[in-house]
Amino acid sequence: AEHLEGKSLFMGCQHAVRQSALEREDGVCNAFMAGAPG
């Protein structure tokens, strides 16, 4: 709860990257996702 508070959509980066999870094709992992309805 304390880590998700105020976030409408939260995911994690599965690889250490320099600037962005999007530097890799598989940077954003689907194994953990949290979000507000709609």
Full PDB file with SEQRES, HELIX, SHEET, SSBOND, CRYST1, ORIGX, SCALE, CONECT and MASTER records, all heavy atoms in Angstrom:
SEQRES   1 A   38  ALA GLU HIS LEU GLU GLY LYS SER LEU PHE MET GLY CYS          
SEQRES   2 A   38  GLN HIS ALA VAL ARG GLN SER ALA LEU GLU ARG GLU ASP          
SEQRES   3 A   38  GLY VAL CYS ASN ALA PHE MET ALA GLY ALA PRO GLY              
HELIX    1 AA1 ALA A   21  GLU A   23  5                                   3    
SHEET    1 AA1 2 LEU A   9  CYS A  13  0                                        
SHEET    2 AA1 2 VAL A  28  GLY A  35 -1                                        
CRYST1    1.000    1.000    1.000  90.00  90.00  90.00 P 1           1          
ORIGX1      1.000000  0.000000  0.000000        0.00000                         
ORIGX2      0.000000  1.000000  0.000000        0.00000                         
ORIGX3      0.000000  0.000000  1.000000        0.00000                         
SCALE1      1.000000  0.000000  0.000000        0.00000                         
SCALE2      0.000000  1.000000  0.000000        0.00000                         
SCALE3      0.000000  0.000000  1.000000        0.00000                         
ATOM      1  N   ALA A   1       0.818  -1.225   0.000  1.00  0.00           N  
ATOM      2  CA  ALA A   1       0.000   0.000   0.000  1.00  0.00           C  
ATOM      3  C   ALA A   1       0.844   1.264   0.000  1.00  0.00           C  
ATOM      4  O   ALA A   1       0.580   2.194  -0.768  1.00  0.00           O  
ATOM      5  CB  ALA A   1      -0.958  -0.011   1.188  1.00  0.00           C  
ATOM      6  N   GLU A   2       1.871   1.308   0.827  1.00  0.00           N  
ATOM      7  CA  GLU A   2       2.679   2.536   0.903  1.00  0.00           C  
ATOM      8  C   GLU A   2       3.482   2.784  -0.371  1.00  0.00           C  
ATOM      9  O   GLU A   2       3.809   3.918  -0.695  1.00  0.00           O  
ATOM     10  CB  GLU A   2       3.597   2.510   2.124  1.00  0.00           C  
ATOM     11  CG  GLU A   2       4.638   1.402   2.098  1.00  0.00           C  
ATOM     12  CD  GLU A   2       5.351   1.242   3.434  1.00  0.00           C  
ATOM     13  OE1 GLU A   2       4.674   1.006   4.445  1.00  0.00           O  
ATOM     14  OE2 GLU A   2       6.589   1.359   3.434  1.00  0.00           O  
ATOM     15  N   HIS A   3       3.779   1.744  -1.121  1.00  0.00           N  
ATOM     16  CA  HIS A   3       4.549   1.900  -2.362  1.00  0.00           C  
ATOM     17  C   HIS A   3       3.651   2.191  -3.565  1.00  0.00           C  
ATOM     18  O   HIS A   3       4.116   2.702  -4.573  1.00  0.00           O  
ATOM     19  CB  HIS A   3       5.396   0.663  -2.620  1.00  0.00           C  
ATOM     20  CG  HIS A   3       6.425   0.437  -1.572  1.00  0.00           C  
ATOM     21  ND1 HIS A   3       7.590   1.165  -1.509  1.00  0.00           N  
ATOM     22  CD2 HIS A   3       6.454  -0.392  -0.511  1.00  0.00           C  
ATOM     23  CE1 HIS A   3       8.302   0.780  -0.473  1.00  0.00           C  
ATOM     24  NE2 HIS A   3       7.627  -0.168   0.157  1.00  0.00           N  
ATOM     25  N   LEU A   4       2.374   1.842  -3.435  1.00  0.00           N  
ATOM     26  CA  LEU A   4       1.445   2.040  -4.551  1.00  0.00           C  
ATOM     27  C   LEU A   4       0.583   3.285  -4.383  1.00  0.00           C  
ATOM     28  O   LEU A   4      -0.055   3.715  -5.339  1.00  0.00           O  
ATOM     29  CB  LEU A   4       0.548   0.805  -4.697  1.00  0.00           C  
ATOM     30  CG  LEU A   4       1.269  -0.508  -4.988  1.00  0.00           C  
ATOM     31  CD1 LEU A   4       0.278  -1.655  -5.064  1.00  0.00           C  
ATOM     32  CD2 LEU A   4       2.100  -0.421  -6.249  1.00  0.00           C  
ATOM     33  N   GLU A   5       0.607   3.868  -3.215  1.00  0.00           N  
ATOM     34  CA  GLU A   5      -0.230   5.037  -2.944  1.00  0.00           C  
ATOM     35  C   GLU A   5       0.065   6.163  -3.930  1.00  0.00           C  
ATOM     36  O   GLU A   5       1.217   6.510  -4.180  1.00  0.00           O  
ATOM     37  CB  GLU A   5       0.009   5.529  -1.520  1.00  0.00           C  
ATOM     38  CG  GLU A   5      -0.968   6.590  -1.088  1.00  0.00           C  
ATOM     39  CD  GLU A   5      -0.808   6.962   0.373  1.00  0.00           C  
ATOM     40  OE1 GLU A   5      -0.382   6.100   1.179  1.00  0.00           O  
ATOM     41  OE2 GLU A   5      -1.093   8.118   0.691  1.00  0.00           O  
ATOM     42  N   GLY A   6      -0.998   6.688  -4.501  1.00  0.00           N  
ATOM     43  CA  GLY A   6      -0.868   7.804  -5.434  1.00  0.00           C  
ATOM     44  C   GLY A   6      -0.459   7.407  -6.840  1.00  0.00           C  
ATOM     45  O   GLY A   6      -0.279   8.263  -7.698  1.00  0.00           O  
ATOM     46  N   LYS A   7      -0.308   6.121  -7.101  1.00  0.00           N  
ATOM     47  CA  LYS A   7       0.082   5.652  -8.438  1.00  0.00           C  
ATOM     48  C   LYS A   7      -1.133   5.016  -9.110  1.00  0.00           C  
ATOM     49  O   LYS A   7      -1.759   4.130  -8.556  1.00  0.00           O  
ATOM     50  CB  LYS A   7       1.218   4.646  -8.332  1.00  0.00           C  
ATOM     51  CG  LYS A   7       2.487   5.248  -7.749  1.00  0.00           C  
ATOM     52  CD  LYS A   7       3.530   4.164  -7.500  1.00  0.00           C  
ATOM     53  CE  LYS A   7       4.826   4.730  -6.999  1.00  0.00           C  
ATOM     54  NZ  LYS A   7       4.798   5.233  -5.650  1.00  0.00           N  
ATOM     55  N   SER A   8      -1.429   5.446 -10.316  1.00  0.00           N  
ATOM     56  CA  SER A   8      -2.579   4.876 -11.009  1.00  0.00           C  
ATOM     57  C   SER A   8      -2.211   3.622 -11.806  1.00  0.00           C  
ATOM     58  O   SER A   8      -3.076   2.820 -12.134  1.00  0.00           O  
ATOM     59  CB  SER A   8      -3.227   5.910 -11.926  1.00  0.00           C  
ATOM     60  OG  SER A   8      -2.325   6.318 -12.938  1.00  0.00           O  
ATOM     61  N   LEU A   9      -0.922   3.454 -12.108  1.00  0.00           N  
ATOM     62  CA  LEU A   9      -0.450   2.255 -12.805  1.00  0.00           C  
ATOM     63  C   LEU A   9       1.020   2.057 -12.466  1.00  0.00           C  
ATOM     64  O   LEU A   9       1.820   2.977 -12.614  1.00  0.00           O  
ATOM     65  CB  LEU A   9      -0.630   2.405 -14.317  1.00  0.00           C  
ATOM     66  CG  LEU A   9      -0.387   1.165 -15.170  1.00  0.00           C  
ATOM     67  CD1 LEU A   9      -1.328   0.031 -14.780  1.00  0.00           C  
ATOM     68  CD2 LEU A   9      -0.569   1.495 -16.638  1.00  0.00           C  
ATOM     69  N   PHE A  10       1.372   0.864 -12.001  1.00  0.00           N  
ATOM     70  CA  PHE A  10       2.725   0.597 -11.504  1.00  0.00           C  
ATOM     71  C   PHE A  10       3.200  -0.749 -12.030  1.00  0.00           C  
ATOM     72  O   PHE A  10       2.486  -1.750 -11.947  1.00  0.00           O  
ATOM     73  CB  PHE A  10       2.691   0.571  -9.967  1.00  0.00           C  
ATOM     74  CG  PHE A  10       4.016   0.314  -9.319  1.00  0.00           C  
ATOM     75  CD1 PHE A  10       4.938   1.340  -9.154  1.00  0.00           C  
ATOM     76  CD2 PHE A  10       4.336  -0.949  -8.854  1.00  0.00           C  
ATOM     77  CE1 PHE A  10       6.158   1.108  -8.537  1.00  0.00           C  
ATOM     78  CE2 PHE A  10       5.555  -1.193  -8.231  1.00  0.00           C  
ATOM     79  CZ  PHE A  10       6.465  -0.159  -8.073  1.00  0.00           C  
ATOM     80  N   MET A  11       4.411  -0.753 -12.583  1.00  0.00           N  
ATOM     81  CA  MET A  11       5.042  -1.961 -13.118  1.00  0.00           C  
ATOM     82  C   MET A  11       6.517  -1.895 -12.766  1.00  0.00           C  
ATOM     83  O   MET A  11       6.979  -0.903 -12.221  1.00  0.00           O  
ATOM     84  CB  MET A  11       4.864  -2.027 -14.635  1.00  0.00           C  
ATOM     85  CG  MET A  11       3.433  -2.044 -15.062  1.00  0.00           C  
ATOM     86  SD  MET A  11       3.305  -1.760 -16.830  1.00  0.00           S  
ATOM     87  CE  MET A  11       1.537  -1.708 -16.986  1.00  0.00           C  
ATOM     88  N   GLY A  12       7.242  -2.929 -13.115  1.00  0.00           N  
ATOM     89  CA  GLY A  12       8.660  -2.934 -12.800  1.00  0.00           C  
ATOM     90  C   GLY A  12       9.535  -3.261 -13.992  1.00  0.00           C  
ATOM     91  O   GLY A  12       9.112  -3.899 -14.950  1.00  0.00           O  
ATOM     92  N   CYS A  13      10.760  -2.815 -13.906  1.00  0.00           N  
ATOM     93  CA  CYS A  13      11.780  -3.059 -14.919  1.00  0.00           C  
ATOM     94  C   CYS A  13      12.555  -4.308 -14.513  1.00  0.00           C  
ATOM     95  O   CYS A  13      13.058  -4.395 -13.402  1.00  0.00           O  
ATOM     96  CB  CYS A  13      12.693  -1.846 -14.981  1.00  0.00           C  
ATOM     97  SG  CYS A  13      14.062  -2.052 -16.104  1.00  0.00           S  
ATOM     98  N   GLN A  14      12.665  -5.264 -15.406  1.00  0.00           N  
ATOM     99  CA  GLN A  14      13.337  -6.510 -15.049  1.00  0.00           C  
ATOM    100  C   GLN A  14      14.835  -6.523 -15.330  1.00  0.00           C  
ATOM    101  O   GLN A  14      15.507  -7.455 -14.954  1.00  0.00           O  
ATOM    102  CB  GLN A  14      12.662  -7.697 -15.719  1.00  0.00           C  
ATOM    103  CG  GLN A  14      12.991  -7.884 -17.177  1.00  0.00           C  
ATOM    104  CD  GLN A  14      12.360  -9.136 -17.733  1.00  0.00           C  
ATOM    105  OE1 GLN A  14      11.291  -9.537 -17.335  1.00  0.00           O  
ATOM    106  NE2 GLN A  14      13.031  -9.771 -18.657  1.00  0.00           N  
ATOM    107  N   HIS A  15      15.342  -5.500 -15.975  1.00  0.00           N  
ATOM    108  CA  HIS A  15      16.771  -5.434 -16.261  1.00  0.00           C  
ATOM    109  C   HIS A  15      17.328  -4.110 -15.780  1.00  0.00           C  
ATOM    110  O   HIS A  15      16.689  -3.079 -15.945  1.00  0.00           O  
ATOM    111  CB  HIS A  15      17.052  -5.545 -17.767  1.00  0.00           C  
ATOM    112  CG  HIS A  15      16.595  -6.828 -18.358  1.00  0.00           C  
ATOM    113  ND1 HIS A  15      17.249  -8.009 -18.146  1.00  0.00           N  
ATOM    114  CD2 HIS A  15      15.536  -7.126 -19.126  1.00  0.00           C  
ATOM    115  CE1 HIS A  15      16.614  -8.973 -18.779  1.00  0.00           C  
ATOM    116  NE2 HIS A  15      15.569  -8.461 -19.384  1.00  0.00           N  
ATOM    117  N   ALA A  16      18.498  -4.155 -15.213  1.00  0.00           N  
ATOM    118  CA  ALA A  16      19.159  -2.905 -14.851  1.00  0.00           C  
ATOM    119  C   ALA A  16      19.489  -2.165 -16.142  1.00  0.00           C  
ATOM    120  O   ALA A  16      20.096  -2.722 -17.045  1.00  0.00           O  
ATOM    121  CB  ALA A  16      20.424  -3.191 -14.053  1.00  0.00           C  
ATOM    122  N   VAL A  17      19.046  -0.945 -16.223  1.00  0.00           N  
ATOM    123  CA  VAL A  17      19.285  -0.139 -17.418  1.00  0.00           C  
ATOM    124  C   VAL A  17      19.800   1.222 -17.010  1.00  0.00           C  
ATOM    125  O   VAL A  17      19.610   1.656 -15.879  1.00  0.00           O  
ATOM    126  CB  VAL A  17      18.007   0.016 -18.276  1.00  0.00           C  
ATOM    127  CG1 VAL A  17      17.616  -1.304 -18.893  1.00  0.00           C  
ATOM    128  CG2 VAL A  17      16.864   0.570 -17.456  1.00  0.00           C  
ATOM    129  N   ARG A  18      20.434   1.898 -17.924  1.00  0.00           N  
ATOM    130  CA  ARG A  18      21.017   3.196 -17.604  1.00  0.00           C  
ATOM    131  C   ARG A  18      19.972   4.289 -17.452  1.00  0.00           C  
ATOM    132  O   ARG A  18      20.015   5.067 -16.532  1.00  0.00           O  
ATOM    133  CB  ARG A  18      22.005   3.592 -18.695  1.00  0.00           C  
ATOM    134  CG  ARG A  18      23.228   2.736 -18.661  1.00  0.00           C  
ATOM    135  CD  ARG A  18      24.264   3.259 -19.624  1.00  0.00           C  
ATOM    136  NE  ARG A  18      25.301   2.239 -19.734  1.00  0.00           N  
ATOM    137  CZ  ARG A  18      25.956   1.987 -20.819  1.00  0.00           C  
ATOM    138  NH1 ARG A  18      25.749   2.690 -21.899  1.00  0.00           N  
ATOM    139  NH2 ARG A  18      26.867   1.047 -20.842  1.00  0.00           N  
ATOM    140  N   GLN A  19      19.036   4.367 -18.388  1.00  0.00           N  
ATOM    141  CA  GLN A  19      18.108   5.483 -18.353  1.00  0.00           C  
ATOM    142  C   GLN A  19      16.649   5.069 -18.328  1.00  0.00           C  
ATOM    143  O   GLN A  19      15.845   5.699 -17.687  1.00  0.00           O  
ATOM    144  CB  GLN A  19      18.348   6.398 -19.553  1.00  0.00           C  
ATOM    145  CG  GLN A  19      19.722   7.011 -19.519  1.00  0.00           C  
ATOM    146  CD  GLN A  19      19.926   7.950 -20.693  1.00  0.00           C  
ATOM    147  OE1 GLN A  19      19.019   8.246 -21.440  1.00  0.00           O  
ATOM    148  NE2 GLN A  19      21.139   8.423 -20.851  1.00  0.00           N  
ATOM    149  N   SER A  20      16.287   4.029 -19.019  1.00  0.00           N  
ATOM    150  CA  SER A  20      14.876   3.698 -19.162  1.00  0.00           C  
ATOM    151  C   SER A  20      14.676   2.205 -19.335  1.00  0.00           C  
ATOM    152  O   SER A  20      15.480   1.534 -19.978  1.00  0.00           O  
ATOM    153  CB  SER A  20      14.315   4.426 -20.383  1.00  0.00           C  
ATOM    154  OG  SER A  20      13.062   3.914 -20.735  1.00  0.00           O  
ATOM    155  N   ALA A  21      13.569   1.720 -18.787  1.00  0.00           N  
ATOM    156  CA  ALA A  21      13.209   0.320 -18.984  1.00  0.00           C  
ATOM    157  C   ALA A  21      12.965   0.029 -20.455  1.00  0.00           C  
ATOM    158  O   ALA A  21      12.995  -1.118 -20.880  1.00  0.00           O  
ATOM    159  CB  ALA A  21      11.948  -0.003 -18.190  1.00  0.00           C  
ATOM    160  N   LEU A  22      12.728   1.049 -21.228  1.00  0.00           N  
ATOM    161  CA  LEU A  22      12.391   0.863 -22.628  1.00  0.00           C  
ATOM    162  C   LEU A  22      13.601   0.746 -23.536  1.00  0.00           C  
ATOM    163  O   LEU A  22      13.466   0.662 -24.744  1.00  0.00           O  
ATOM    164  CB  LEU A  22      11.483   2.002 -23.072  1.00  0.00           C  
ATOM    165  CG  LEU A  22      10.205   2.109 -22.241  1.00  0.00           C  
ATOM    166  CD1 LEU A  22       9.385   3.295 -22.696  1.00  0.00           C  
ATOM    167  CD2 LEU A  22       9.405   0.837 -22.297  1.00  0.00           C  
ATOM    168  N   GLU A  23      14.792   0.723 -22.971  1.00  0.00           N  
ATOM    169  CA  GLU A  23      15.998   0.541 -23.775  1.00  0.00           C  
ATOM    170  C   GLU A  23      16.127  -0.901 -24.258  1.00  0.00           C  
ATOM    171  O   GLU A  23      16.886  -1.188 -25.152  1.00  0.00           O  
ATOM    172  CB  GLU A  23      17.243   0.919 -22.970  1.00  0.00           C  
ATOM    173  CG  GLU A  23      17.374   2.405 -22.741  1.00  0.00           C  
ATOM    174  CD  GLU A  23      18.612   2.762 -21.946  1.00  0.00           C  
ATOM    175  OE1 GLU A  23      19.443   1.879 -21.668  1.00  0.00           O  
ATOM    176  OE2 GLU A  23      18.742   3.937 -21.596  1.00  0.00           O  
ATOM    177  N   ARG A  24      15.390  -1.793 -23.633  1.00  0.00           N  
ATOM    178  CA  ARG A  24      15.419  -3.208 -24.012  1.00  0.00           C  
ATOM    179  C   ARG A  24      14.042  -3.610 -24.510  1.00  0.00           C  
ATOM    180  O   ARG A  24      13.037  -3.058 -24.099  1.00  0.00           O  
ATOM    181  CB  ARG A  24      15.785  -4.072 -22.817  1.00  0.00           C  
ATOM    182  CG  ARG A  24      17.197  -3.899 -22.323  1.00  0.00           C  
ATOM    183  CD  ARG A  24      17.452  -4.847 -21.179  1.00  0.00           C  
ATOM    184  NE  ARG A  24      17.242  -6.215 -21.594  1.00  0.00           N  
ATOM    185  CZ  ARG A  24      18.211  -7.109 -21.750  1.00  0.00           C  
ATOM    186  NH1 ARG A  24      19.451  -6.783 -21.519  1.00  0.00           N  
ATOM    187  NH2 ARG A  24      17.937  -8.336 -22.128  1.00  0.00           N  
ATOM    188  N   GLU A  25      14.011  -4.621 -25.342  1.00  0.00           N  
ATOM    189  CA  GLU A  25      12.731  -5.097 -25.857  1.00  0.00           C  
ATOM    190  C   GLU A  25      11.865  -5.647 -24.728  1.00  0.00           C  
ATOM    191  O   GLU A  25      10.651  -5.564 -24.766  1.00  0.00           O  
ATOM    192  CB  GLU A  25      12.990  -6.188 -26.903  1.00  0.00           C  
ATOM    193  CG  GLU A  25      11.743  -6.685 -27.562  1.00  0.00           C  
ATOM    194  CD  GLU A  25      12.018  -7.672 -28.671  1.00  0.00           C  
ATOM    195  OE1 GLU A  25      13.182  -7.840 -29.071  1.00  0.00           O  
ATOM    196  OE2 GLU A  25      11.056  -8.279 -29.136  1.00  0.00           O  
ATOM    197  N   ASP A  26      12.498  -6.214 -23.716  1.00  0.00           N  
ATOM    198  CA  ASP A  26      11.757  -6.840 -22.622  1.00  0.00           C  
ATOM    199  C   ASP A  26      12.011  -6.145 -21.295  1.00  0.00           C  
ATOM    200  O   ASP A  26      12.076  -6.752 -20.252  1.00  0.00           O  
ATOM    201  CB  ASP A  26      12.105  -8.311 -22.515  1.00  0.00           C  
ATOM    202  CG  ASP A  26      13.596  -8.557 -22.282  1.00  0.00           C  
ATOM    203  OD1 ASP A  26      14.386  -7.594 -22.354  1.00  0.00           O  
ATOM    204  OD2 ASP A  26      13.974  -9.695 -22.023  1.00  0.00           O  
ATOM    205  N   GLY A  27      12.146  -4.838 -21.317  1.00  0.00           N  
ATOM    206  CA  GLY A  27      12.465  -4.101 -20.109  1.00  0.00           C  
ATOM    207  C   GLY A  27      11.373  -4.079 -19.064  1.00  0.00           C  
ATOM    208  O   GLY A  27      11.632  -4.169 -17.877  1.00  0.00           O  
ATOM    209  N   VAL A  28      10.116  -3.947 -19.480  1.00  0.00           N  
ATOM    210  CA  VAL A  28       9.013  -3.892 -18.532  1.00  0.00           C  
ATOM    211  C   VAL A  28       8.441  -5.294 -18.391  1.00  0.00           C  
ATOM    212  O   VAL A  28       7.978  -5.885 -19.362  1.00  0.00           O  
ATOM    213  CB  VAL A  28       7.914  -2.908 -18.999  1.00  0.00           C  
ATOM    214  CG1 VAL A  28       6.816  -2.803 -17.951  1.00  0.00           C  
ATOM    215  CG2 VAL A  28       8.508  -1.539 -19.290  1.00  0.00           C  
ATOM    216  N   CYS A  29       8.489  -5.826 -17.194  1.00  0.00           N  
ATOM    217  CA  CYS A  29       8.079  -7.212 -16.977  1.00  0.00           C  
ATOM    218  C   CYS A  29       6.620  -7.290 -16.534  1.00  0.00           C  
ATOM    219  O   CYS A  29       6.145  -6.469 -15.754  1.00  0.00           O  
ATOM    220  CB  CYS A  29       8.981  -7.851 -15.925  1.00  0.00           C  
ATOM    221  SG  CYS A  29       8.743  -9.637 -15.809  1.00  0.00           S  
ATOM    222  N   ASN A  30       5.921  -8.291 -17.012  1.00  0.00           N  
ATOM    223  CA  ASN A  30       4.512  -8.489 -16.702  1.00  0.00           C  
ATOM    224  C   ASN A  30       4.274  -9.355 -15.467  1.00  0.00           C  
ATOM    225  O   ASN A  30       3.129  -9.648 -15.128  1.00  0.00           O  
ATOM    226  CB  ASN A  30       3.805  -9.128 -17.902  1.00  0.00           C  
ATOM    227  CG  ASN A  30       4.395 -10.483 -18.230  1.00  0.00           C  
ATOM    228  OD1 ASN A  30       5.592 -10.591 -18.488  1.00  0.00           O  
ATOM    229  ND2 ASN A  30       3.583 -11.513 -18.219  1.00  0.00           N  
ATOM    230  N   ALA A  31       5.306  -9.726 -14.736  1.00  0.00           N  
ATOM    231  CA  ALA A  31       5.143 -10.606 -13.582  1.00  0.00           C  
ATOM    232  C   ALA A  31       4.540  -9.897 -12.375  1.00  0.00           C  
ATOM    233  O   ALA A  31       4.049 -10.547 -11.452  1.00  0.00           O  
ATOM    234  CB  ALA A  31       6.486 -11.233 -13.203  1.00  0.00           C  
ATOM    235  N   PHE A  32       4.559  -8.567 -12.365  1.00  0.00           N  
ATOM    236  CA  PHE A  32       3.943  -7.775 -11.305  1.00  0.00           C  
ATOM    237  C   PHE A  32       3.395  -6.500 -11.925  1.00  0.00           C  
ATOM    238  O   PHE A  32       4.141  -5.748 -12.554  1.00  0.00           O  
ATOM    239  CB  PHE A  32       4.962  -7.418 -10.219  1.00  0.00           C  
ATOM    240  CG  PHE A  32       4.366  -6.673  -9.053  1.00  0.00           C  
ATOM    241  CD1 PHE A  32       4.051  -7.342  -7.884  1.00  0.00           C  
ATOM    242  CD2 PHE A  32       4.115  -5.320  -9.128  1.00  0.00           C  
ATOM    243  CE1 PHE A  32       3.494  -6.672  -6.812  1.00  0.00           C  
ATOM    244  CE2 PHE A  32       3.559  -4.630  -8.067  1.00  0.00           C  
ATOM    245  CZ  PHE A  32       3.241  -5.313  -6.902  1.00  0.00           C  
ATOM    246  N   MET A  33       2.091  -6.279 -11.760  1.00  0.00           N  
ATOM    247  CA  MET A  33       1.452  -5.075 -12.281  1.00  0.00           C  
ATOM    248  C   MET A  33       0.374  -4.649 -11.291  1.00  0.00           C  
ATOM    249  O   MET A  33      -0.299  -5.501 -10.710  1.00  0.00           O  
ATOM    250  CB  MET A  33       0.794  -5.348 -13.635  1.00  0.00           C  
ATOM    251  CG  MET A  33       1.746  -5.862 -14.705  1.00  0.00           C  
ATOM    252  SD  MET A  33       0.911  -6.275 -16.258  1.00  0.00           S  
ATOM    253  CE  MET A  33       0.134  -7.838 -15.842  1.00  0.00           C  
ATOM    254  N   ALA A  34       0.216  -3.357 -11.110  1.00  0.00           N  
ATOM    255  CA  ALA A  34      -0.831  -2.837 -10.233  1.00  0.00           C  
ATOM    256  C   ALA A  34      -1.442  -1.614 -10.883  1.00  0.00           C  
ATOM    257  O   ALA A  34      -0.730  -0.822 -11.515  1.00  0.00           O  
ATOM    258  CB  ALA A  34      -0.256  -2.472  -8.871  1.00  0.00           C  
ATOM    259  N   GLY A  35      -2.748  -1.471 -10.748  1.00  0.00           N  
ATOM    260  CA  GLY A  35      -3.363  -0.317 -11.358  1.00  0.00           C  
ATOM    261  C   GLY A  35      -4.770  -0.034 -10.873  1.00  0.00           C  
ATOM    262  O   GLY A  35      -5.429  -0.890 -10.278  1.00  0.00           O  
ATOM    263  N   ALA A  36      -5.201   1.175 -11.158  1.00  0.00           N  
ATOM    264  CA  ALA A  36      -6.549   1.611 -10.834  1.00  0.00           C  
ATOM    265  C   ALA A  36      -7.521   1.058 -11.880  1.00  0.00           C  
ATOM    266  O   ALA A  36      -7.148   0.873 -13.039  1.00  0.00           O  
ATOM    267  CB  ALA A  36      -6.599   3.138 -10.827  1.00  0.00           C  
ATOM    268  N   PRO A  37      -8.756   0.804 -11.489  1.00  0.00           N  
ATOM    269  CA  PRO A  37      -9.743   0.320 -12.459  1.00  0.00           C  
ATOM    270  C   PRO A  37      -9.983   1.346 -13.571  1.00  0.00           C  
ATOM    271  O   PRO A  37      -9.942   2.551 -13.336  1.00  0.00           O  
ATOM    272  CB  PRO A  37     -11.012   0.120 -11.621  1.00  0.00           C  
ATOM    273  CG  PRO A  37     -10.812   0.892 -10.376  1.00  0.00           C  
ATOM    274  CD  PRO A  37      -9.330   1.014 -10.164  1.00  0.00           C  
ATOM    275  N   GLY A  38     -10.163   0.829 -14.785  1.00  0.00           N  
ATOM    276  CA  GLY A  38     -10.461   1.693 -15.911  1.00  0.00           C  
ATOM    277  C   GLY A  38      -9.305   2.546 -16.403  1.00  0.00           C  
ATOM    278  O   GLY A  38      -9.511   3.481 -17.168  1.00  0.00           O  
TER     279      GLY A  38                                                      
MASTER        0    0    0    1    2    0    0    6  278    1    0    3          
END                                                                             
